[in-house]
Amino acid sequence: MAHPNLSFDLVTDLAGIRAFERQWRVLEARADPSFSYFQTYDWCERWFTQFGAHIEEDDGPQARIFTASEQGEPVVIWPLMIEQGAMGLNTLTWLTWPHGQYGNVLAEPGNRAEAAIAACWGHIKRLPRIDSIELTDIPSTTALARVVFDDEEIDDAPNLSSIMDLGRFETVQDYVDSLSKTTRRGRGRRRRKLETHGDLDFAVFEGGTSDYRGAVAEALRMKDVWLANTGKVSRALSMEGNAAFLSSLPVSPGGTGRALAGVLCLDGKAIAIEIGFERGGDYVSYLGAFDWELRGYSPGKIQMDMMLRWTIEKDLKSYDLLGNASSYKDDWSNFEVPLLTRLVAQSVLGIARTEMWVKRLRPALKNTVEVLPDAKRRMLVSALRNKSGNAPAGT
């Protein structure tokens, strides 16, 4: 059923975002929480405060947050932004990219959601001065995916999200019993080996606390060491202001979302940290880091096991390792969700970018760099830094 009286608006600056806070939080509380933490008000407002163009004339990504309302109450919030590239090419993409990991919208529950999303999509494709639209990592199970792909046949999803469905386990012991004997023995042996060096302790801290902020700072320090030693790159982690952004994330009013830090300590010293977010019982493992000097003891895997057990104890619904499926995630997940990408070229420049860079050159470059040995990748990254004076942009 369509909405007969929808009104549409476009939020383009920080003042507009903050003015829309009440309506945003109202819809956030009503919308399906699945795959939508990265569209919550606190995530988007804190990110834009740190990285966005606060007014149209500023440098940086420009907000293009599309809203649909009925009788003054929000029905859809679609957070997007414009990034300007070479030759003045404007790309419309997800607000908070590359930090945000799922592409989605906030939409009212019920059978009218898809009609409202479709109406918004029509308006979005008519936005002026847009060369290309790049909407990545849309979970295939969402109403948004059904609208923007309009029942198209999708042969191969470009990405997969690895998730542990916690509803299969009433207790932590049920989870442990589901593991193979080899896995159980391996995890126990790994933990006992580390415990020969001291006492292990695990705790989870909520956003907005000094413990959480300290955990974020230490996790990012550990991650920097890991990036330097492996030669890997991350555009999100190299952005100035990253620590301030992640540290600022709170527990949202009404419990519609919360930032969490799981910290594993050895004799009181943090040796592995996981930063994650929970919304509606779904937990996403966002960033993991560990003490590089203890890498032979796999503290990161021990910490992951403890965090997963904690989510079961707290009666959460899922433990989500996000996209970019890899073999190590197989041991920590029991199902996958395809993540889809919608590309729309809006100009000649947009066609060139979409066909040559997005579909061909960028994936080929990424694959080439990823298969390089660590030593050669470190040399390449160092050369690029020396040439540009900045960290190279990762994925």
Protein backbone atom coordinates (compact mmCIF):
# COMPACT_ATOMS: atom_id res chain seq x y z
CA MET A 1 0.00 0.00 0.00
CA ALA A 2 1.42 3.40 -1.00
CA HIS A 3 1.59 6.48 1.20
CA PRO A 4 -0.88 9.03 -0.23
CA ASN A 5 0.47 12.02 1.69
CA LEU A 6 4.25 11.66 1.78
CA SER A 7 6.34 14.81 1.97
CA PHE A 8 10.05 14.74 1.14
CA ASP A 9 12.94 16.76 2.46
CA LEU A 10 16.71 16.89 2.04
CA VAL A 11 19.09 17.51 4.95
CA THR A 12 22.39 18.94 3.74
CA ASP A 13 24.33 20.26 6.74
CA LEU A 14 25.13 19.67 10.40
CA ALA A 15 22.55 22.14 11.64
CA GLY A 16 19.88 20.29 9.64
CA ILE A 17 20.96 16.95 11.07
CA ARG A 18 20.71 18.25 14.61
CA ALA A 19 17.37 19.94 13.95
CA PHE A 20 15.99 16.59 12.79
CA GLU A 21 17.19 14.69 15.88
CA ARG A 22 13.78 14.16 17.47
CA GLN A 23 12.20 12.75 14.31
CA TRP A 24 15.28 10.63 13.60
CA ARG A 25 15.19 9.06 17.05
CA VAL A 26 11.44 8.43 16.79
CA LEU A 27 11.86 6.42 13.58
CA GLU A 28 15.02 4.76 14.90
CA ALA A 29 13.00 3.35 17.80
CA ARG A 30 10.26 2.02 15.49
CA ALA A 31 12.30 0.73 12.55
CA ASP A 32 13.54 -2.81 12.06
CA PRO A 33 16.88 -2.84 13.93
CA SER A 34 18.47 -5.47 11.66
CA PHE A 35 21.57 -4.22 9.80
CA SER A 36 20.82 -0.62 10.71
CA TYR A 37 23.20 0.49 13.47
CA PHE A 38 25.16 2.52 10.90
CA GLN A 39 22.03 4.55 10.14
CA THR A 40 21.31 5.54 13.76
CA TYR A 41 21.35 9.19 14.77
CA ASP A 42 24.30 8.96 17.13
CA TRP A 43 26.50 7.13 14.62
CA CYS A 44 25.65 9.54 11.77
CA GLU A 45 25.72 12.78 13.76
CA ARG A 46 28.99 11.96 15.52
CA TRP A 47 30.60 10.91 12.23
CA PHE A 48 29.44 14.02 10.37
CA THR A 49 30.56 16.27 13.21
CA GLN A 50 34.06 14.83 12.85
CA PHE A 51 34.43 14.34 9.10
CA GLY A 52 31.66 16.09 7.18
CA ALA A 53 31.22 19.53 5.61
CA HIS A 54 29.31 21.37 8.36
CA ILE A 55 28.06 23.90 5.81
CA GLU A 56 27.84 23.62 2.02
CA GLU A 57 30.97 25.74 1.48
CA ASP A 58 33.21 23.55 3.66
CA ASP A 59 35.56 20.92 2.31
CA GLY A 60 34.70 17.30 2.99
CA PRO A 61 31.71 15.05 2.30
CA GLN A 62 28.42 16.89 1.92
CA ALA A 63 25.31 15.44 3.55
CA ARG A 64 22.42 14.38 1.35
CA ILE A 65 20.06 12.80 3.86
CA PHE A 66 16.75 12.07 2.21
CA THR A 67 13.68 11.95 4.44
CA ALA A 68 10.06 11.05 3.80
CA SER A 69 7.39 12.00 6.32
CA GLU A 70 3.65 11.64 6.69
CA GLN A 71 1.76 14.22 8.76
CA GLY A 72 5.06 15.43 10.21
CA GLU A 73 6.26 12.01 11.36
CA PRO A 74 9.19 10.30 9.62
CA VAL A 75 8.56 7.25 7.47
CA VAL A 76 11.99 6.83 5.84
CA ILE A 77 15.45 8.25 6.59
CA TRP A 78 18.05 7.51 3.91
CA PRO A 79 21.49 8.84 4.99
CA LEU A 80 23.67 9.64 1.97
CA MET A 81 26.50 12.03 1.15
CA ILE A 82 28.37 13.44 -1.83
CA GLU A 83 32.10 12.76 -2.20
CA GLN A 84 33.95 14.83 -4.78
CA GLY A 85 36.70 13.07 -6.71
CA ALA A 86 39.05 13.82 -9.59
CA MET A 87 37.85 16.25 -12.26
CA GLY A 88 35.08 17.40 -9.92
CA LEU A 89 33.23 14.09 -10.24
CA ASN A 90 30.46 13.83 -7.63
CA THR A 91 29.61 10.40 -6.23
CA LEU A 92 26.54 9.86 -4.08
CA THR A 93 27.25 7.17 -1.49
CA TRP A 94 26.45 6.16 2.06
CA LEU A 95 26.81 8.77 4.77
CA THR A 96 29.68 7.70 7.08
CA TRP A 97 31.51 5.63 4.45
CA PRO A 98 34.16 4.17 4.83
CA HIS A 99 33.44 3.78 8.55
CA GLY A 100 29.88 2.55 8.07
CA GLN A 101 29.72 -1.12 7.12
CA TYR A 102 26.14 -1.83 6.03
CA GLY A 103 24.16 0.16 3.49
CA ASN A 104 20.58 0.52 4.67
CA VAL A 105 17.76 2.92 5.52
CA LEU A 106 15.59 3.47 8.55
CA ALA A 107 11.99 2.76 7.57
CA GLU A 108 8.70 2.39 9.39
CA PRO A 109 7.67 -1.22 10.05
CA GLY A 110 4.91 -2.86 8.08
CA ASN A 111 3.93 -3.55 4.51
CA ARG A 112 4.03 0.12 3.42
CA ALA A 113 7.78 0.45 3.93
CA GLU A 114 8.80 -0.70 0.46
CA ALA A 115 6.43 1.74 -1.26
CA ALA A 116 7.89 4.61 0.79
CA ILE A 117 11.45 3.51 0.05
CA ALA A 118 10.63 3.25 -3.67
CA ALA A 119 9.22 6.78 -3.65
CA CYS A 120 12.44 8.04 -2.04
CA TRP A 121 14.59 6.12 -4.53
CA GLY A 122 12.84 7.85 -7.40
CA HIS A 123 13.63 11.27 -5.91
CA ILE A 124 17.23 10.31 -5.10
CA LYS A 125 17.96 9.38 -8.72
CA ARG A 126 16.83 12.86 -9.75
CA LEU A 127 19.17 14.76 -7.42
CA PRO A 128 21.12 17.38 -9.43
CA ARG A 129 24.88 17.44 -10.01
CA ILE A 130 25.43 13.73 -9.29
CA ASP A 131 27.72 11.80 -11.66
CA SER A 132 27.38 8.37 -10.10
CA ILE A 133 25.54 6.60 -7.29
CA GLU A 134 27.45 3.89 -5.43
CA LEU A 135 25.47 2.05 -2.77
CA THR A 136 27.60 -0.79 -1.43
CA ASP A 137 27.03 -3.63 1.04
CA ILE A 138 23.23 -3.68 1.08
CA PRO A 139 22.12 -6.81 2.98
CA SER A 140 20.05 -8.91 0.60
CA THR A 141 17.39 -9.59 3.25
CA THR A 142 16.40 -5.93 3.68
CA ALA A 143 13.44 -4.03 2.26
CA LEU A 144 15.95 -1.65 0.67
CA ALA A 145 17.51 -4.49 -1.35
CA ARG A 146 14.10 -5.57 -2.63
CA VAL A 147 13.39 -2.02 -3.82
CA VAL A 148 16.66 -0.97 -5.45
CA PHE A 149 17.16 -4.31 -7.19
CA ASP A 150 13.45 -4.62 -8.08
CA ASP A 151 13.42 -8.44 -8.25
CA GLU A 152 16.49 -8.58 -10.49
CA GLU A 153 18.35 -11.87 -10.65
CA ILE A 154 21.60 -11.50 -8.69
CA ASP A 155 24.11 -14.08 -9.91
CA ASP A 156 26.96 -13.53 -7.44
CA ALA A 157 26.97 -11.17 -4.49
CA PRO A 158 30.21 -9.16 -4.41
CA ASN A 159 30.43 -9.58 -0.64
CA LEU A 160 29.14 -11.78 2.18
CA SER A 161 28.52 -11.07 5.83
CA SER A 162 29.44 -13.84 8.31
CA ILE A 163 27.07 -14.10 11.30
CA MET A 164 26.57 -16.39 14.28
CA ASP A 165 22.86 -16.95 14.95
CA LEU A 166 22.79 -17.04 18.75
CA GLY A 167 19.16 -18.13 18.83
CA ARG A 168 20.39 -21.69 18.33
CA PHE A 169 21.96 -21.66 21.80
CA GLU A 170 20.06 -21.35 25.07
CA THR A 171 23.27 -21.43 27.08
CA VAL A 172 27.00 -20.94 26.55
CA GLN A 173 27.40 -24.68 27.02
CA ASP A 174 25.04 -25.28 24.06
CA TYR A 175 27.40 -23.16 21.97
CA VAL A 176 30.47 -25.02 23.21
CA ASP A 177 28.80 -28.37 22.51
CA SER A 178 28.10 -27.25 18.93
CA LEU A 179 31.83 -26.97 18.22
CA SER A 180 33.82 -29.85 16.83
CA LYS A 181 36.06 -31.73 19.23
CA THR A 182 39.11 -30.42 17.38
CA THR A 183 37.95 -26.81 17.73
CA ARG A 184 37.16 -27.19 21.43
CA ARG A 185 40.55 -28.72 22.13
CA GLY A 186 42.37 -26.08 20.10
CA ARG A 187 40.69 -23.19 21.90
CA GLY A 188 41.28 -24.74 25.31
CA ARG A 189 44.93 -25.41 24.54
CA ARG A 190 45.41 -21.84 23.27
CA ARG A 191 43.94 -20.35 26.43
CA ARG A 192 45.93 -22.60 28.79
CA LYS A 193 49.14 -21.66 26.99
CA LEU A 194 48.48 -17.95 27.50
CA GLU A 195 47.47 -18.49 31.14
CA THR A 196 50.97 -19.78 31.91
CA HIS A 197 52.03 -16.11 31.68
CA GLY A 198 49.49 -14.75 34.15
CA ASP A 199 45.83 -14.33 35.04
CA LEU A 200 43.33 -13.62 32.29
CA ASP A 201 40.38 -11.31 32.85
CA PHE A 202 37.65 -10.18 30.45
CA ALA A 203 35.26 -7.25 30.78
CA VAL A 204 32.84 -5.34 28.52
CA PHE A 205 32.47 -1.56 28.77
CA GLU A 206 29.67 0.59 27.34
CA GLY A 207 30.09 3.71 25.25
CA GLY A 208 30.12 7.00 27.11
CA THR A 209 32.36 5.71 29.91
CA SER A 210 36.03 6.45 30.53
CA ASP A 211 36.79 2.70 30.33
CA TYR A 212 35.26 2.55 26.86
CA ARG A 213 37.18 5.60 25.67
CA GLY A 214 40.42 4.17 27.03
CA ALA A 215 39.75 0.85 25.30
CA VAL A 216 39.19 2.61 21.96
CA ALA A 217 42.48 4.49 22.28
CA GLU A 218 44.40 1.33 23.12
CA ALA A 219 42.69 -0.71 20.38
CA LEU A 220 43.62 1.86 17.75
CA ARG A 221 47.20 1.93 18.99
CA MET A 222 47.37 -1.87 18.69
CA LYS A 223 45.76 -1.72 15.25
CA ASP A 224 48.35 0.80 14.04
CA VAL A 225 51.12 -1.62 15.05
CA TRP A 226 49.37 -4.46 13.21
CA LEU A 227 48.93 -2.34 10.07
CA ALA A 228 52.60 -1.33 10.13
CA ASN A 229 53.80 -4.92 10.51
CA THR A 230 51.51 -6.45 7.90
CA GLY A 231 51.70 -3.64 5.35
CA LYS A 232 47.91 -3.48 5.16
CA VAL A 233 46.07 -0.19 4.74
CA SER A 234 42.75 1.16 5.91
CA ARG A 235 41.23 4.39 4.67
CA ALA A 236 38.93 4.62 7.69
CA LEU A 237 41.68 4.07 10.25
CA SER A 238 44.00 6.55 8.53
CA MET A 239 41.49 9.42 8.63
CA GLU A 240 42.39 12.20 11.05
CA GLY A 241 39.81 12.30 13.82
CA ASN A 242 39.12 8.56 13.78
CA ALA A 243 39.94 8.12 17.48
CA ALA A 244 37.79 11.08 18.52
CA PHE A 245 34.85 9.75 16.50
CA LEU A 246 34.90 6.17 17.81
CA SER A 247 35.56 7.35 21.38
CA SER A 248 32.52 9.64 21.28
CA LEU A 249 29.97 6.91 20.53
CA PRO A 250 27.47 6.49 23.40
CA VAL A 251 24.62 4.33 24.57
CA SER A 252 21.72 5.90 22.66
CA PRO A 253 18.63 7.19 24.48
CA GLY A 254 15.99 4.48 24.70
CA GLY A 255 18.57 1.77 24.09
CA THR A 256 18.26 1.96 20.30
CA GLY A 257 22.00 1.39 19.93
CA ARG A 258 25.13 1.19 22.02
CA ALA A 259 28.86 1.10 21.56
CA LEU A 260 30.76 -1.65 23.40
CA ALA A 261 34.37 -2.57 24.09
CA GLY A 262 35.34 -6.12 25.07
CA VAL A 263 38.76 -6.10 26.75
CA LEU A 264 40.94 -9.13 27.50
CA CYS A 265 43.64 -8.45 30.10
CA LEU A 266 46.69 -10.43 31.19
CA ASP A 267 47.64 -9.54 34.76
CA GLY A 268 45.69 -6.31 34.39
CA LYS A 269 47.21 -5.24 31.05
CA ALA A 270 44.99 -5.12 27.94
CA ILE A 271 46.23 -7.60 25.35
CA ALA A 272 43.21 -7.85 23.01
CA ILE A 273 40.27 -5.51 22.46
CA GLU A 274 37.12 -5.68 20.37
CA ILE A 275 35.05 -2.60 19.56
CA GLY A 276 31.50 -3.40 18.56
CA PHE A 277 27.95 -2.09 18.42
CA GLU A 278 24.60 -3.55 19.51
CA ARG A 279 21.17 -2.63 18.22
CA GLY A 280 17.99 -4.58 18.83
CA GLY A 281 19.89 -7.62 20.09
CA ASP A 282 22.15 -7.78 17.03
CA TYR A 283 25.82 -7.27 17.84
CA VAL A 284 28.39 -6.33 15.19
CA SER A 285 32.08 -6.95 15.80
CA TYR A 286 33.52 -3.79 14.27
CA LEU A 287 37.22 -3.68 15.09
CA GLY A 288 39.54 -6.20 16.71
CA ALA A 289 43.10 -5.56 17.86
CA PHE A 290 45.72 -7.37 19.90
CA ASP A 291 49.19 -7.00 21.37
CA TRP A 292 51.54 -7.71 18.46
CA GLU A 293 54.23 -9.07 20.79
CA LEU A 294 51.84 -11.81 21.94
CA ARG A 295 50.62 -12.78 18.47
CA GLY A 296 52.01 -16.31 18.85
CA TYR A 297 49.45 -16.89 21.63
CA SER A 298 46.45 -15.75 19.54
CA PRO A 299 45.04 -13.34 22.15
CA GLY A 300 42.61 -11.95 19.57
CA LYS A 301 40.94 -15.33 19.09
CA ILE A 302 40.73 -15.88 22.84
CA GLN A 303 39.09 -12.48 23.19
CA MET A 304 36.62 -13.25 20.38
CA ASP A 305 35.58 -16.46 22.11
CA MET A 306 34.97 -14.58 25.36
CA MET A 307 33.00 -11.84 23.59
CA LEU A 308 30.83 -14.37 21.79
CA ARG A 309 30.12 -16.13 25.09
CA TRP A 310 29.21 -12.76 26.62
CA THR A 311 26.66 -12.08 23.86
CA ILE A 312 25.01 -15.45 24.58
CA GLU A 313 24.92 -14.74 28.32
CA LYS A 314 23.24 -11.39 27.60
CA ASP A 315 20.56 -13.07 25.42
CA LEU A 316 21.58 -11.22 22.26
CA LYS A 317 20.35 -12.56 18.93
CA SER A 318 23.44 -12.53 16.74
CA TYR A 319 27.20 -12.02 16.65
CA ASP A 320 28.03 -10.41 13.33
CA LEU A 321 31.54 -10.36 11.83
CA LEU A 322 30.45 -8.05 8.99
CA GLY A 323 31.52 -8.39 5.37
CA ASN A 324 34.60 -9.62 3.56
CA ALA A 325 34.16 -13.32 4.26
CA SER A 326 37.36 -15.21 5.02
CA SER A 327 38.31 -18.66 6.22
CA TYR A 328 38.96 -17.58 9.81
CA LYS A 329 35.36 -16.36 10.10
CA ASP A 330 34.03 -19.84 9.34
CA ASP A 331 34.77 -20.93 12.92
CA TRP A 332 32.85 -17.97 14.35
CA SER A 333 29.68 -17.98 12.24
CA ASN A 334 26.89 -20.35 11.19
CA PHE A 335 25.28 -18.48 8.30
CA GLU A 336 25.99 -15.81 5.70
CA VAL A 337 24.03 -12.91 4.23
CA PRO A 338 24.87 -11.70 0.70
CA LEU A 339 25.78 -8.01 0.49
CA LEU A 340 24.78 -6.31 -2.74
CA THR A 341 25.97 -3.18 -4.52
CA ARG A 342 23.81 -0.87 -6.63
CA LEU A 343 25.71 1.29 -9.13
CA VAL A 344 23.98 3.99 -11.20
CA ALA A 345 25.88 6.20 -13.64
CA GLN A 346 24.28 9.64 -14.04
CA SER A 347 26.70 11.32 -16.50
CA VAL A 348 29.45 10.57 -19.00
CA LEU A 349 32.04 10.98 -16.24
CA GLY A 350 29.94 8.73 -14.03
CA ILE A 351 29.85 6.03 -16.69
CA ALA A 352 33.62 6.15 -17.02
CA ARG A 353 34.14 5.93 -13.26
CA THR A 354 31.63 3.11 -12.81
CA GLU A 355 32.75 0.95 -15.72
CA MET A 356 36.51 1.45 -15.52
CA TRP A 357 37.38 2.22 -11.89
CA VAL A 358 34.61 0.72 -9.73
CA LYS A 359 33.97 -2.46 -11.71
CA ARG A 360 37.47 -3.22 -13.03
CA LEU A 361 40.52 -1.31 -11.86
CA ARG A 362 39.70 -0.94 -8.15
CA PRO A 363 38.89 -4.65 -7.56
CA ALA A 364 41.96 -5.72 -9.55
CA LEU A 365 44.23 -3.37 -7.57
CA LYS A 366 42.75 -4.54 -4.27
CA ASN A 367 43.21 -8.21 -5.12
CA THR A 368 46.78 -7.63 -6.27
CA VAL A 369 47.77 -5.86 -3.06
CA GLU A 370 46.06 -8.42 -0.81
CA VAL A 371 47.96 -11.41 -2.23
CA LEU A 372 51.37 -9.78 -1.83
CA PRO A 373 53.61 -11.18 0.93
CA ASP A 374 53.68 -8.94 4.02
CA ALA A 375 57.24 -7.77 3.37
CA LYS A 376 56.50 -6.65 -0.20
CA ARG A 377 53.24 -5.04 0.86
CA ARG A 378 55.09 -3.08 3.57
CA MET A 379 57.59 -1.85 0.96
CA LEU A 380 54.77 -0.77 -1.37
CA VAL A 381 52.88 1.06 1.38
CA SER A 382 56.06 2.78 2.56
CA ALA A 383 56.86 3.94 -0.98
CA LEU A 384 53.34 5.32 -1.44
CA ARG A 385 53.52 7.16 1.89
CA ASN A 386 56.89 8.68 1.02
CA LYS A 387 55.59 9.82 -2.34
CA SER A 388 52.29 11.28 -1.14
CA GLY A 389 53.17 12.25 2.40
CA ASN A 390 49.98 10.53 3.60
CA ALA A 391 48.68 7.10 4.38
CA PRO A 392 47.38 5.44 1.21
CA ALA A 393 43.66 5.03 0.97
CA GLY A 394 42.57 1.50 1.71
CA THR A 395 39.21 -0.12 1.19
